[in-house]
Amino acid sequence: MPIHQITGDREIKLYASPYELSDFLRRVKLGEVLRGQIRQVLGQGKVVVGFKGFNLVAESGELAFSRGAVFYAQVKALSPKVVVKLVKPGQEMSEDFIRPLLRSFGGLATKTKVEIAKSLAKSGLPMTKELVNEIARELAKLSPDEKNIPALVFLKAQGATSSSRHVAAAKFHLFDQAGLSDRLSRLLDIVTQTDSPGLDPLLKEEITAAINRLLIKLGQDDLTAQIKGYLARLGLDYEYQIAGYNKEVTKSLKGLLLRLKGQIAKVPDLTSLLALTEETLDEIQALQLINDGEGRKSFYFPIPVQFPQGIENAELKISRNPNRKRPIDPDDFQLALLLNTSNLGPVQVQVRVKRKMFTGQFRLSDEKISRFVSAHTGELGERLQALGYLVGGITCSVKKSSSGERFRVEEPAGDYKFKGVDVKV
């Protein structure tokens, strides 16, 4: 969706509360390129613009904005007013736009730095001189691989360590085509069908039961309990629990698969099972690594969901408020869930909870489906209110999703009541 009639330098008046504005200023840097999106067209020349998770009301004047339109702007000044220069339509993150920007940072606009800048923009991270140079330095320490740049950027977005082990885990996570749900489904089939003296029947029974306990079954009353126990059952805290002499962790999927690997490592007729076991262990380790580190900004987990037609993969990402030191504050966090369903197609649910104020957005692939879900948001709001939440807004929008798309967690749309603050754009 394009933004029309952007020619030269244009000024737009933005509105934000003093609290929102101070938070916004703490999150932007001079020279940074911001990704903006039109969240809502309010009428009377006003629109809601999303910058870095903040929703700002803008008086658009003669500019013609479309809901969902994405644009980029570079921060030119932070005081006495915030000034950002709009990038003309069609430029977006092209090399013609990026190279002059990199040269303005000082130094050469090398091909590597251009690719870093593109990856930063795609991930919604700030495109600053410091971050581009930092990733370039870390990249130089690694063996040449075109996947290293998106892996390093992903780790930066997570707030995770950029060691070679973490980079390998990030590449496995980003570029592996199978996914946890597919592996669990195949592992369940192979283990169930394997009849070999090399596989202990008791261990076979334990693994089958462990996989079935991992699958999230929708429509059951204990859904919350299922999700709460999922990470422990998967074995993401395996090493921590072993260090604490908690033998129960050996019954987690990781613990059982480590036993299985040791048991069948030299059994000639179980090579396929061994390969799948090692792949699954690699994926669990990758999840451990990308969710590791005290400075992490978010947690990411694939969740296998049991449907009548088989096991499907849901993706869950929980992000903290970037201005808080605690990894996740139960009173202030963002959550995103991506799920492919047989009836509704791909569904993205984005939620923001702040001091019991709930705002959420459903993103769906079809206008008809969006209207269907929108008709039931009132019921969802009533259930949330019954649980003690204030509902700021639940909206539905249409977004075409590509297969394997990763999250960009953004501020869900809600109600907008701001005092006026002049910001030049």
Protein backbone atom coordinates (compact mmCIF):
# COMPACT_ATOMS: atom_id res chain seq x y z
CA MET A 1 0.00 0.00 0.00
CA PRO A 2 1.75 3.20 -1.10
CA ILE A 3 1.86 6.61 0.50
CA HIS A 4 1.07 9.07 -2.27
CA GLN A 5 2.17 12.65 -2.88
CA ILE A 6 5.39 12.65 -0.82
CA THR A 7 7.62 15.11 -2.65
CA GLY A 8 10.55 16.91 -1.07
CA ASP A 9 10.52 17.79 2.63
CA ARG A 10 7.06 17.68 4.17
CA GLU A 11 5.92 18.59 7.67
CA ILE A 12 3.31 16.65 9.60
CA LYS A 13 2.15 17.43 13.11
CA LEU A 14 2.28 14.43 15.43
CA TYR A 15 0.49 14.06 18.75
CA ALA A 16 1.74 12.13 21.78
CA SER A 17 1.43 12.35 25.53
CA PRO A 18 4.55 13.69 27.30
CA TYR A 19 5.07 10.19 28.76
CA GLU A 20 4.91 8.51 25.36
CA LEU A 21 7.15 11.17 23.81
CA SER A 22 9.88 10.78 26.45
CA ASP A 23 9.82 7.00 25.98
CA PHE A 24 9.97 7.45 22.21
CA LEU A 25 12.98 9.78 22.46
CA ARG A 26 14.85 7.25 24.60
CA ARG A 27 14.44 4.63 21.88
CA VAL A 28 15.59 6.63 18.85
CA LYS A 29 19.06 7.77 17.87
CA LEU A 30 20.27 10.56 15.63
CA GLY A 31 20.81 9.27 12.11
CA GLU A 32 18.69 6.18 12.69
CA VAL A 33 16.31 5.05 9.95
CA LEU A 34 12.84 4.34 11.31
CA ARG A 35 10.31 2.01 9.79
CA GLY A 36 6.85 3.57 9.99
CA GLN A 37 3.46 2.09 9.31
CA ILE A 38 0.03 3.64 8.99
CA ARG A 39 -2.06 1.83 11.61
CA GLN A 40 -5.40 3.60 11.16
CA VAL A 41 -6.92 6.33 9.02
CA LEU A 42 -9.04 8.29 11.48
CA GLY A 43 -10.61 10.79 9.07
CA GLN A 44 -10.50 14.60 9.05
CA GLY A 45 -6.90 14.48 7.89
CA LYS A 46 -5.65 12.40 10.84
CA VAL A 47 -3.93 9.01 10.83
CA VAL A 48 -2.23 6.79 13.42
CA VAL A 49 1.46 6.22 12.63
CA GLY A 50 3.47 3.44 14.27
CA PHE A 51 7.17 4.12 14.94
CA LYS A 52 9.20 1.54 16.96
CA GLY A 53 6.15 0.25 18.82
CA PHE A 54 4.73 3.73 19.55
CA ASN A 55 1.45 4.87 18.07
CA LEU A 56 1.43 8.59 17.24
CA VAL A 57 -1.52 10.50 15.82
CA ALA A 58 -0.56 12.60 12.80
CA GLU A 59 -2.29 15.40 10.94
CA SER A 60 -1.57 14.25 7.42
CA GLY A 61 -2.72 17.38 5.62
CA GLU A 62 -2.80 16.86 1.86
CA LEU A 63 -0.84 13.59 1.95
CA ALA A 64 -2.91 10.55 0.97
CA PHE A 65 -2.23 7.68 3.37
CA SER A 66 -3.52 4.11 3.14
CA ARG A 67 -3.94 1.86 6.16
CA GLY A 68 -1.09 -0.62 6.40
CA ALA A 69 1.26 1.50 4.26
CA VAL A 70 4.92 1.13 5.25
CA PHE A 71 7.51 3.88 4.83
CA TYR A 72 10.97 4.80 6.09
CA ALA A 73 12.32 8.01 7.57
CA GLN A 74 15.73 9.07 8.89
CA VAL A 75 16.04 10.91 12.22
CA LYS A 76 17.68 14.27 11.45
CA ALA A 77 17.26 16.01 14.85
CA LEU A 78 16.02 15.17 18.35
CA SER A 79 15.82 18.65 19.85
CA PRO A 80 14.30 21.13 20.22
CA LYS A 81 11.93 19.17 17.98
CA VAL A 82 12.09 15.70 16.55
CA VAL A 83 12.80 15.96 12.83
CA VAL A 84 12.72 12.97 10.50
CA LYS A 85 13.13 13.06 6.74
CA LEU A 86 10.72 10.89 4.78
CA VAL A 87 12.14 8.53 2.19
CA LYS A 88 10.34 8.89 -1.11
CA PRO A 89 8.09 6.04 -2.28
CA GLY A 90 9.92 3.35 -4.20
CA GLN A 91 13.24 3.97 -2.45
CA GLU A 92 12.52 2.10 0.76
CA MET A 93 15.64 0.02 1.53
CA SER A 94 17.18 0.07 -1.94
CA GLU A 95 20.95 0.38 -2.32
CA ASP A 96 20.44 3.86 -3.81
CA PHE A 97 19.05 4.92 -0.44
CA ILE A 98 21.34 2.88 1.81
CA ARG A 99 24.74 3.77 0.29
CA PRO A 100 24.48 7.58 0.85
CA LEU A 101 23.23 6.89 4.38
CA LEU A 102 26.21 4.66 5.15
CA ARG A 103 28.62 7.20 3.69
CA SER A 104 27.08 9.83 5.97
CA PHE A 105 28.21 7.63 8.89
CA GLY A 106 31.82 7.97 7.67
CA GLY A 107 33.85 5.35 5.84
CA LEU A 108 33.02 3.26 2.78
CA ALA A 109 29.57 1.90 1.95
CA THR A 110 30.83 -1.64 1.33
CA LYS A 111 28.66 -4.45 0.00
CA THR A 112 28.82 -6.12 3.43
CA LYS A 113 27.59 -3.00 5.23
CA VAL A 114 24.78 -2.59 2.68
CA GLU A 115 23.61 -6.15 3.38
CA ILE A 116 23.83 -5.50 7.13
CA ALA A 117 21.72 -2.35 6.72
CA LYS A 118 19.10 -4.23 4.69
CA SER A 119 18.89 -6.96 7.32
CA LEU A 120 18.58 -4.41 10.13
CA ALA A 121 15.71 -2.68 8.32
CA LYS A 122 13.94 -5.98 7.68
CA SER A 123 14.21 -6.89 11.36
CA GLY A 124 13.00 -3.51 12.57
CA LEU A 125 16.26 -2.73 14.35
CA PRO A 126 17.80 0.76 14.37
CA MET A 127 20.10 1.40 11.44
CA THR A 128 22.87 3.30 13.21
CA LYS A 129 26.59 3.72 12.60
CA GLU A 130 27.41 1.95 15.88
CA LEU A 131 25.22 -1.10 15.20
CA VAL A 132 26.32 -1.49 11.55
CA ASN A 133 29.98 -1.34 12.56
CA GLU A 134 29.46 -3.70 15.52
CA ILE A 135 27.86 -6.37 13.33
CA ALA A 136 30.59 -5.89 10.70
CA ARG A 137 33.26 -6.53 13.36
CA GLU A 138 31.50 -9.66 14.62
CA LEU A 139 31.00 -10.87 11.05
CA ALA A 140 34.77 -10.65 10.40
CA LYS A 141 35.39 -13.18 13.20
CA LEU A 142 33.23 -15.86 11.52
CA SER A 143 33.86 -18.18 8.60
CA PRO A 144 32.37 -16.77 5.35
CA ASP A 145 28.67 -17.62 5.03
CA GLU A 146 25.87 -15.50 3.53
CA LYS A 147 23.60 -16.63 6.39
CA ASN A 148 25.82 -15.04 9.05
CA ILE A 149 24.41 -11.52 8.62
CA PRO A 150 20.71 -12.38 9.21
CA ALA A 151 21.80 -14.69 12.06
CA LEU A 152 23.78 -11.91 13.79
CA VAL A 153 20.94 -9.43 13.30
CA PHE A 154 18.46 -11.95 14.71
CA LEU A 155 20.62 -12.42 17.80
CA LYS A 156 20.84 -8.64 18.24
CA ALA A 157 17.05 -8.43 18.08
CA GLN A 158 16.83 -11.15 20.74
CA GLY A 159 19.45 -9.49 22.93
CA ALA A 160 21.35 -12.77 22.84
CA THR A 161 25.09 -13.45 22.75
CA SER A 162 26.81 -13.41 19.33
CA SER A 163 29.26 -16.29 19.91
CA SER A 164 29.94 -18.78 17.12
CA ARG A 165 27.71 -21.35 18.87
CA HIS A 166 24.87 -18.83 19.09
CA VAL A 167 25.31 -17.85 15.43
CA ALA A 168 25.16 -21.52 14.40
CA ALA A 169 22.00 -21.95 16.50
CA ALA A 170 20.41 -18.84 14.96
CA LYS A 171 21.15 -20.10 11.43
CA PHE A 172 19.64 -23.46 12.29
CA HIS A 173 16.55 -21.67 13.61
CA LEU A 174 16.19 -19.22 10.71
CA PHE A 175 16.99 -21.48 7.76
CA ASP A 176 16.02 -24.98 8.87
CA GLN A 177 13.04 -26.02 6.77
CA ALA A 178 11.63 -28.85 8.87
CA GLY A 179 10.62 -27.23 12.17
CA LEU A 180 9.89 -28.79 15.53
CA SER A 181 6.32 -29.92 14.83
CA ASP A 182 7.40 -31.80 11.69
CA ARG A 183 10.24 -33.53 13.54
CA LEU A 184 8.04 -34.51 16.46
CA SER A 185 5.44 -35.91 14.08
CA ARG A 186 8.05 -38.00 12.22
CA LEU A 187 9.77 -39.02 15.46
CA LEU A 188 6.47 -40.23 16.89
CA ASP A 189 5.76 -42.27 13.74
CA ILE A 190 9.23 -43.85 13.56
CA VAL A 191 9.48 -44.66 17.27
CA THR A 192 5.97 -46.16 17.29
CA GLN A 193 6.67 -48.32 14.22
CA THR A 194 10.19 -49.42 15.19
CA ASP A 195 10.41 -53.01 16.34
CA SER A 196 14.09 -53.65 16.95
CA PRO A 197 16.01 -55.36 19.77
CA GLY A 198 18.28 -52.29 19.72
CA LEU A 199 15.47 -50.08 21.08
CA ASP A 200 14.49 -50.60 24.71
CA PRO A 201 10.67 -51.09 24.81
CA LEU A 202 10.41 -49.07 28.04
CA LEU A 203 12.35 -46.14 26.54
CA LYS A 204 10.20 -46.38 23.40
CA GLU A 205 7.09 -46.09 25.56
CA GLU A 206 8.52 -43.14 27.52
CA ILE A 207 9.43 -41.20 24.36
CA THR A 208 5.99 -41.77 22.82
CA ALA A 209 4.32 -40.53 26.01
CA ALA A 210 6.69 -37.52 26.24
CA ILE A 211 5.89 -36.39 22.68
CA ASN A 212 2.16 -36.74 23.26
CA ARG A 213 2.46 -34.67 26.47
CA LEU A 214 4.26 -31.94 24.50
CA LEU A 215 1.48 -31.46 21.96
CA ILE A 216 -0.83 -28.57 22.83
CA LYS A 217 -4.44 -29.71 22.49
CA LEU A 218 -6.82 -26.83 21.85
CA GLY A 219 -10.30 -26.82 23.32
CA GLN A 220 -9.28 -28.47 26.57
CA ASP A 221 -9.84 -26.87 29.97
CA ASP A 222 -6.19 -27.28 31.02
CA LEU A 223 -4.77 -25.24 28.10
CA THR A 224 -2.95 -22.83 30.45
CA ALA A 225 -1.38 -25.72 32.33
CA GLN A 226 -0.35 -27.34 29.03
CA ILE A 227 1.53 -24.23 27.91
CA LYS A 228 3.07 -23.54 31.33
CA GLY A 229 4.61 -27.00 31.49
CA TYR A 230 5.66 -27.10 27.84
CA LEU A 231 9.18 -25.70 28.22
CA ALA A 232 10.07 -28.06 31.07
CA ARG A 233 8.64 -31.05 29.20
CA LEU A 234 10.69 -30.09 26.13
CA GLY A 235 13.83 -29.88 28.29
CA LEU A 236 14.95 -26.30 27.65
CA ASP A 237 16.18 -26.09 31.24
CA TYR A 238 17.82 -29.53 31.09
CA GLU A 239 21.40 -28.52 32.04
CA TYR A 240 20.20 -26.18 34.78
CA GLN A 241 18.07 -28.89 36.36
CA ILE A 242 20.84 -31.50 36.06
CA ALA A 243 23.22 -29.13 37.84
CA GLY A 244 20.63 -28.92 40.63
CA TYR A 245 20.45 -32.73 40.84
CA ASN A 246 16.83 -32.77 39.66
CA LYS A 247 16.53 -36.22 38.13
CA GLU A 248 12.97 -35.54 36.92
CA VAL A 249 14.45 -33.56 34.02
CA THR A 250 15.72 -36.82 32.52
CA LYS A 251 12.07 -37.53 31.72
CA SER A 252 11.89 -34.42 29.52
CA LEU A 253 12.09 -34.95 25.76
CA LYS A 254 15.72 -33.78 25.66
CA GLY A 255 16.66 -36.14 28.49
CA LEU A 256 14.94 -39.09 26.82
CA LEU A 257 16.46 -38.34 23.39
CA LEU A 258 19.96 -38.15 24.89
CA ARG A 259 19.36 -41.64 26.32
CA LEU A 260 18.00 -42.83 22.97
CA LYS A 261 21.01 -41.45 21.09
CA GLY A 262 23.41 -43.28 23.39
CA GLN A 263 21.43 -46.50 23.12
CA ILE A 264 21.09 -46.71 19.32
CA ALA A 265 24.34 -44.98 18.24
CA LYS A 266 25.87 -48.25 17.04
CA VAL A 267 22.72 -50.12 15.94
CA PRO A 268 22.99 -50.57 12.12
CA ASP A 269 19.24 -50.84 11.40
CA LEU A 270 18.33 -47.65 13.33
CA THR A 271 20.41 -45.07 11.43
CA SER A 272 17.31 -43.12 10.27
CA LEU A 273 16.00 -42.89 13.83
CA LEU A 274 19.45 -41.82 15.05
CA ALA A 275 19.66 -39.03 12.43
CA LEU A 276 16.20 -37.71 13.34
CA THR A 277 17.04 -37.91 17.05
CA GLU A 278 20.20 -35.84 16.50
CA GLU A 279 18.29 -33.27 14.41
CA THR A 280 15.68 -32.87 17.14
CA LEU A 281 18.38 -32.48 19.80
CA ASP A 282 20.08 -29.86 17.62
CA GLU A 283 16.83 -27.91 17.38
CA ILE A 284 16.26 -28.03 21.15
CA GLN A 285 19.83 -26.82 21.70
CA ALA A 286 19.28 -24.01 19.17
CA LEU A 287 16.20 -22.89 21.12
CA GLN A 288 18.20 -22.98 24.34
CA LEU A 289 20.94 -20.80 22.88
CA ILE A 290 18.76 -18.15 21.19
CA ASN A 291 16.76 -17.76 24.41
CA ASP A 292 19.91 -17.61 26.54
CA GLY A 293 21.53 -14.56 28.15
CA GLU A 294 20.50 -12.06 30.81
CA GLY A 295 20.26 -9.17 28.32
CA ARG A 296 17.76 -10.86 26.03
CA LYS A 297 14.88 -8.70 24.88
CA SER A 298 12.49 -11.48 23.98
CA PHE A 299 11.78 -15.20 24.16
CA TYR A 300 10.91 -17.26 21.09
CA PHE A 301 9.40 -20.75 21.14
CA PRO A 302 7.81 -23.00 18.50
CA ILE A 303 4.82 -24.81 19.95
CA PRO A 304 3.44 -28.01 18.36
CA VAL A 305 -0.36 -27.94 18.30
CA GLN A 306 -2.45 -31.06 17.81
CA PHE A 307 -5.18 -30.67 15.18
CA PRO A 308 -7.46 -33.42 13.83
CA GLN A 309 -5.49 -33.41 10.55
CA GLY A 310 -2.11 -33.65 12.28
CA ILE A 311 0.51 -31.63 14.16
CA GLU A 312 0.93 -27.98 13.19
CA ASN A 313 3.58 -25.52 14.34
CA ALA A 314 2.67 -22.33 16.21
CA GLU A 315 5.32 -19.68 16.90
CA LEU A 316 5.24 -17.69 20.14
CA LYS A 317 7.33 -14.62 20.87
CA ILE A 318 7.17 -12.70 24.15
CA SER A 319 8.97 -9.35 24.27
CA ARG A 320 9.78 -7.13 27.21
CA ASN A 321 9.43 -3.38 27.47
CA PRO A 322 12.86 -2.19 26.15
CA ASN A 323 13.06 0.46 28.88
CA ARG A 324 12.87 -2.10 31.68
CA LYS A 325 15.81 -4.10 32.99
CA ARG A 326 13.84 -7.23 33.89
CA PRO A 327 13.68 -9.73 30.99
CA ILE A 328 9.89 -10.09 31.15
CA ASP A 329 7.57 -8.03 33.35
CA PRO A 330 4.16 -9.72 33.76
CA ASP A 331 2.63 -6.23 34.00
CA ASP A 332 4.25 -4.83 30.85
CA PHE A 333 5.00 -7.07 27.86
CA GLN A 334 4.18 -7.82 24.23
CA LEU A 335 3.21 -11.19 22.85
CA ALA A 336 2.93 -12.43 19.29
CA LEU A 337 1.54 -15.77 18.11
CA LEU A 338 1.72 -17.07 14.55
CA LEU A 339 -0.32 -20.13 13.64
CA ASN A 340 -1.30 -21.78 10.36
CA THR A 341 -4.82 -23.21 10.56
CA SER A 342 -6.78 -25.28 8.07
CA ASN A 343 -9.94 -23.11 8.29
CA LEU A 344 -8.60 -19.59 8.87
CA GLY A 345 -5.24 -19.91 7.12
CA PRO A 346 -2.23 -18.10 8.64
CA VAL A 347 -3.20 -16.12 11.75
CA GLN A 348 -1.02 -13.61 13.58
CA VAL A 349 -2.15 -12.45 17.02
CA GLN A 350 -0.28 -9.50 18.53
CA VAL A 351 -0.98 -8.44 22.11
CA ARG A 352 0.26 -5.69 24.40
CA VAL A 353 -0.44 -5.87 28.14
CA LYS A 354 0.48 -2.90 30.31
CA ARG A 355 -0.79 -2.62 33.88
CA LYS A 356 -3.86 -4.75 33.10
CA MET A 357 -4.60 -2.78 29.92
CA PHE A 358 -5.01 -5.19 27.02
CA THR A 359 -4.75 -4.18 23.37
CA GLY A 360 -4.62 -6.72 20.59
CA GLN A 361 -4.66 -7.22 16.87
CA PHE A 362 -5.51 -10.19 14.65
CA ARG A 363 -3.78 -10.27 11.27
CA LEU A 364 -5.41 -12.56 8.75
CA SER A 365 -4.89 -13.37 5.09
CA ASP A 366 -8.40 -12.72 3.78
CA GLU A 367 -10.97 -9.92 4.17
CA LYS A 368 -13.86 -12.36 4.64
CA ILE A 369 -11.99 -14.19 7.42
CA SER A 370 -11.08 -10.86 9.00
CA ARG A 371 -14.78 -9.89 9.16
CA PHE A 372 -15.62 -13.27 10.71
CA VAL A 373 -12.99 -12.90 13.45
CA SER A 374 -13.95 -9.25 14.01
CA ALA A 375 -17.54 -10.32 14.71
CA HIS A 376 -16.28 -12.36 17.69
CA THR A 377 -13.87 -9.85 19.24
CA GLY A 378 -16.64 -8.52 21.47
CA GLU A 379 -16.96 -11.93 23.11
CA LEU A 380 -13.19 -12.07 23.60
CA GLY A 381 -13.27 -8.61 25.20
CA GLU A 382 -15.95 -9.71 27.64
CA ARG A 383 -13.91 -12.75 28.67
CA LEU A 384 -10.83 -10.59 29.23
CA GLN A 385 -12.83 -8.15 31.34
CA ALA A 386 -14.14 -11.06 33.41
CA LEU A 387 -10.48 -11.92 34.12
CA GLY A 388 -9.82 -8.39 35.39
CA TYR A 389 -8.32 -6.78 32.26
CA LEU A 390 -9.19 -3.39 30.79
CA VAL A 391 -9.64 -3.73 27.04
CA GLY A 392 -8.16 -0.84 25.09
CA GLY A 393 -9.03 -2.28 21.71
CA ILE A 394 -9.08 -5.49 19.68
CA THR A 395 -8.79 -5.01 15.93
CA CYS A 396 -8.52 -7.17 12.82
CA SER A 397 -6.55 -6.46 9.67
CA VAL A 398 -5.63 -8.26 6.48
CA LYS A 399 -2.01 -9.13 5.82
CA LYS A 400 -0.66 -11.52 3.22
CA SER A 401 1.84 -13.79 4.97
CA SER A 402 4.55 -15.74 3.24
CA SER A 403 5.41 -19.24 4.37
CA GLY A 404 7.97 -19.34 7.14
CA GLU A 405 7.63 -15.63 7.90
CA ARG A 406 9.29 -14.51 11.14
CA PHE A 407 7.88 -12.07 13.60
CA ARG A 408 8.09 -8.33 13.66
CA VAL A 409 6.37 -7.56 16.96
CA GLU A 410 4.67 -4.20 16.74
CA GLU A 411 2.37 -2.20 18.97
CA PRO A 412 -1.22 -3.44 18.57
CA ALA A 413 -3.73 -0.84 17.51
CA GLY A 414 -6.00 0.53 20.21
CA ASP A 415 -7.68 3.73 21.33
CA TYR A 416 -5.76 6.97 20.93
CA LYS A 417 -6.23 9.90 23.29
CA PHE A 418 -3.16 12.12 23.26
CA LYS A 419 -2.24 15.67 24.11
CA GLY A 420 -0.69 17.71 21.33
CA VAL A 421 3.09 17.84 20.91
CA ASP A 422 4.64 19.37 17.81
CA VAL A 423 7.01 17.01 16.04
CA LYS A 424 8.30 17.82 12.57
CA VAL A 425 8.36 15.10 9.96
